[in-house]
N, C-alpha and C. Protein backbone atom coordinates (compact mmCIF):
# COMPACT_ATOMS: atom_id res chain seq x y z
N UNK A 1 62.55 78.57 80.50
CA UNK A 1 63.35 78.53 81.71
C UNK A 1 62.42 78.28 82.89
N UNK A 2 62.85 77.43 83.77
CA UNK A 2 62.02 77.18 84.94
C UNK A 2 62.10 78.36 85.90
N UNK A 3 61.13 78.42 86.76
CA UNK A 3 61.08 79.55 87.70
C UNK A 3 62.30 79.54 88.63
N UNK A 4 62.72 78.37 89.06
CA UNK A 4 63.86 78.27 89.95
C UNK A 4 65.13 78.77 89.26
N UNK A 5 65.31 78.37 88.02
CA UNK A 5 66.49 78.81 87.27
C UNK A 5 66.44 80.31 87.02
N UNK A 6 65.27 80.82 86.73
CA UNK A 6 65.09 82.25 86.51
C UNK A 6 65.39 83.04 87.79
N UNK A 7 64.94 82.53 88.93
CA UNK A 7 65.22 83.18 90.21
C UNK A 7 66.72 83.19 90.51
N UNK A 8 67.39 82.09 90.22
CA UNK A 8 68.83 82.01 90.45
C UNK A 8 69.56 83.01 89.56
N UNK A 9 69.13 83.10 88.30
CA UNK A 9 69.76 84.04 87.38
C UNK A 9 69.55 85.48 87.84
N UNK A 10 68.35 85.80 88.29
CA UNK A 10 68.07 87.15 88.81
C UNK A 10 68.94 87.45 90.02
N UNK A 11 69.06 86.48 90.92
CA UNK A 11 69.90 86.66 92.12
C UNK A 11 71.35 86.90 91.73
N UNK A 12 71.85 86.16 90.76
CA UNK A 12 73.24 86.35 90.30
C UNK A 12 73.43 87.72 89.67
N UNK A 13 72.46 88.17 88.90
CA UNK A 13 72.55 89.49 88.28
C UNK A 13 72.56 90.59 89.34
N UNK A 14 71.75 90.41 90.39
CA UNK A 14 71.71 91.39 91.49
C UNK A 14 73.06 91.42 92.20
N UNK A 15 73.59 90.26 92.50
CA UNK A 15 74.89 90.19 93.17
C UNK A 15 75.98 90.83 92.31
N UNK A 16 75.94 90.54 91.03
CA UNK A 16 76.94 91.11 90.11
C UNK A 16 76.87 92.63 90.12
N UNK A 17 75.66 93.18 90.05
CA UNK A 17 75.49 94.64 90.05
C UNK A 17 76.00 95.24 91.36
N UNK A 18 75.70 94.58 92.48
CA UNK A 18 76.15 95.08 93.78
C UNK A 18 77.68 95.04 93.87
N UNK A 19 78.28 93.98 93.35
CA UNK A 19 79.74 93.87 93.39
C UNK A 19 80.40 94.91 92.49
N UNK A 20 79.82 95.16 91.34
CA UNK A 20 80.36 96.20 90.46
C UNK A 20 80.33 97.56 91.16
N UNK A 21 79.23 97.86 91.84
CA UNK A 21 79.10 99.12 92.57
C UNK A 21 80.16 99.21 93.66
N UNK A 22 80.33 98.12 94.41
CA UNK A 22 81.32 98.10 95.48
C UNK A 22 82.73 98.31 94.93
N UNK A 23 83.05 97.65 93.82
CA UNK A 23 84.38 97.80 93.20
C UNK A 23 84.60 99.24 92.76
N UNK A 24 83.61 99.86 92.18
CA UNK A 24 83.73 101.26 91.75
C UNK A 24 83.95 102.18 92.95
N UNK A 25 83.21 101.93 94.04
CA UNK A 25 83.38 102.75 95.25
C UNK A 25 84.77 102.58 95.83
N UNK A 26 85.24 101.34 95.90
CA UNK A 26 86.59 101.08 96.43
C UNK A 26 87.66 101.70 95.55
N UNK A 27 87.47 101.64 94.25
CA UNK A 27 88.42 102.25 93.33
C UNK A 27 88.50 103.75 93.55
N UNK A 28 87.35 104.38 93.75
CA UNK A 28 87.33 105.81 94.03
C UNK A 28 88.04 106.15 95.33
N UNK A 29 87.83 105.33 96.36
CA UNK A 29 88.50 105.55 97.64
C UNK A 29 90.02 105.40 97.50
N UNK A 30 90.44 104.40 96.76
CA UNK A 30 91.88 104.20 96.55
C UNK A 30 92.49 105.39 95.82
N UNK A 31 91.78 105.90 94.82
CA UNK A 31 92.29 107.05 94.08
C UNK A 31 92.43 108.26 95.00
N UNK A 32 91.45 108.49 95.87
CA UNK A 32 91.53 109.62 96.82
C UNK A 32 92.68 109.43 97.80
N UNK A 33 92.85 108.22 98.29
CA UNK A 33 93.94 107.96 99.24
C UNK A 33 95.29 108.13 98.56
N UNK A 34 95.40 107.74 97.28
CA UNK A 34 96.66 107.89 96.56
C UNK A 34 97.01 109.37 96.42
N UNK A 35 95.98 110.20 96.13
CA UNK A 35 96.22 111.65 96.04
C UNK A 35 96.72 112.18 97.38
N UNK A 36 96.12 111.73 98.46
CA UNK A 36 96.52 112.19 99.80
C UNK A 36 97.95 111.74 100.11
N UNK A 37 98.26 110.49 99.79
CA UNK A 37 99.62 109.98 100.03
C UNK A 37 100.65 110.80 99.24
N UNK A 38 100.33 111.10 98.00
CA UNK A 38 101.24 111.90 97.16
C UNK A 38 101.45 113.28 97.77
N UNK A 39 100.36 113.91 98.20
CA UNK A 39 100.47 115.25 98.80
C UNK A 39 101.28 115.19 100.09
N UNK A 40 101.06 114.18 100.91
CA UNK A 40 101.80 114.05 102.17
C UNK A 40 103.28 113.78 101.91
N UNK A 41 103.59 112.99 100.90
CA UNK A 41 105.00 112.75 100.55
C UNK A 41 105.69 114.03 100.12
N UNK A 42 105.00 114.85 99.33
CA UNK A 42 105.57 116.14 98.91
C UNK A 42 105.80 117.04 100.11
N UNK A 43 104.82 117.08 101.02
CA UNK A 43 104.95 117.91 102.22
C UNK A 43 106.11 117.43 103.09
N UNK A 44 106.21 116.11 103.26
CA UNK A 44 107.30 115.55 104.06
C UNK A 44 108.66 115.89 103.45
N UNK A 45 108.76 115.77 102.15
CA UNK A 45 110.02 116.09 101.47
C UNK A 45 110.38 117.56 101.66
N UNK A 46 109.38 118.42 101.52
CA UNK A 46 109.60 119.86 101.70
C UNK A 46 110.03 120.17 103.12
N UNK A 47 109.36 119.57 104.09
CA UNK A 47 109.72 119.83 105.50
C UNK A 47 111.09 119.26 105.83
N UNK A 48 111.43 118.12 105.25
CA UNK A 48 112.75 117.53 105.48
C UNK A 48 113.84 118.45 104.94
N UNK A 49 113.63 118.96 103.72
CA UNK A 49 114.61 119.89 103.13
C UNK A 49 114.75 121.14 104.00
N UNK A 50 113.62 121.66 104.44
CA UNK A 50 113.65 122.87 105.28
C UNK A 50 114.39 122.61 106.59
N UNK A 51 114.12 121.45 107.21
CA UNK A 51 114.80 121.10 108.45
C UNK A 51 116.30 121.01 108.25
N UNK A 52 116.72 120.36 107.17
CA UNK A 52 118.15 120.22 106.92
C UNK A 52 118.82 121.57 106.68
N UNK A 53 118.12 122.47 105.98
CA UNK A 53 118.66 123.82 105.77
C UNK A 53 118.81 124.55 107.10
N UNK A 54 117.80 124.48 107.94
CA UNK A 54 117.87 125.15 109.24
C UNK A 54 118.94 124.53 110.12
N UNK A 55 119.08 123.23 110.04
CA UNK A 55 120.09 122.55 110.84
C UNK A 55 121.49 123.00 110.41
N UNK A 56 121.70 123.15 109.12
CA UNK A 56 122.99 123.63 108.62
C UNK A 56 123.29 125.04 109.11
N UNK A 57 122.26 125.89 109.11
CA UNK A 57 122.44 127.29 109.53
C UNK A 57 122.73 127.42 111.01
N UNK A 58 122.16 126.55 111.82
CA UNK A 58 122.30 126.69 113.27
C UNK A 58 123.38 125.82 113.87
N UNK A 59 123.88 124.83 113.13
CA UNK A 59 124.90 123.93 113.68
C UNK A 59 126.21 124.69 113.82
N UNK A 60 126.84 124.57 115.00
CA UNK A 60 128.14 125.24 115.17
C UNK A 60 129.21 124.52 114.36
N UNK A 61 130.16 125.30 113.91
CA UNK A 61 131.29 124.73 113.18
C UNK A 61 132.14 123.94 114.18
N UNK A 62 132.37 122.70 113.89
CA UNK A 62 133.18 121.86 114.77
C UNK A 62 134.56 121.74 114.14
N UNK A 63 135.56 122.17 114.91
CA UNK A 63 136.93 122.10 114.41
C UNK A 63 137.39 120.65 114.39
N UNK A 64 138.08 120.30 113.35
CA UNK A 64 138.60 118.94 113.25
C UNK A 64 139.96 118.94 113.95
N UNK A 65 140.03 118.27 115.06
CA UNK A 65 141.28 118.20 115.83
C UNK A 65 141.55 116.75 116.18
N UNK A 66 142.83 116.48 116.46
CA UNK A 66 143.19 115.13 116.86
C UNK A 66 142.87 114.96 118.34
N UNK A 67 142.42 113.79 118.71
CA UNK A 67 142.18 113.54 120.13
C UNK A 67 143.49 113.65 120.92
N UNK A 68 143.41 113.92 122.21
CA UNK A 68 144.63 114.14 123.02
C UNK A 68 145.59 112.96 123.03
N UNK A 69 145.11 111.74 122.84
CA UNK A 69 146.00 110.58 122.93
C UNK A 69 146.82 110.36 121.66
N UNK A 70 146.72 111.24 120.65
CA UNK A 70 147.49 111.07 119.42
C UNK A 70 148.80 111.72 119.58
């Protein structure tokens, strides 16, 4: 193998290794963000349910009546 071809091959191997490392790091970040999104969705659902329960407890009963023009 000529020196130029050997240098090119070494450069490609270095780039490949760096890209593999970057992909692994990004994959880890995505996994962490997915866990956070899941936890936030659960919290939002819980808070929404709690809000609706409190709203039901505090909402005054509205009588169903016909408007005066009927």
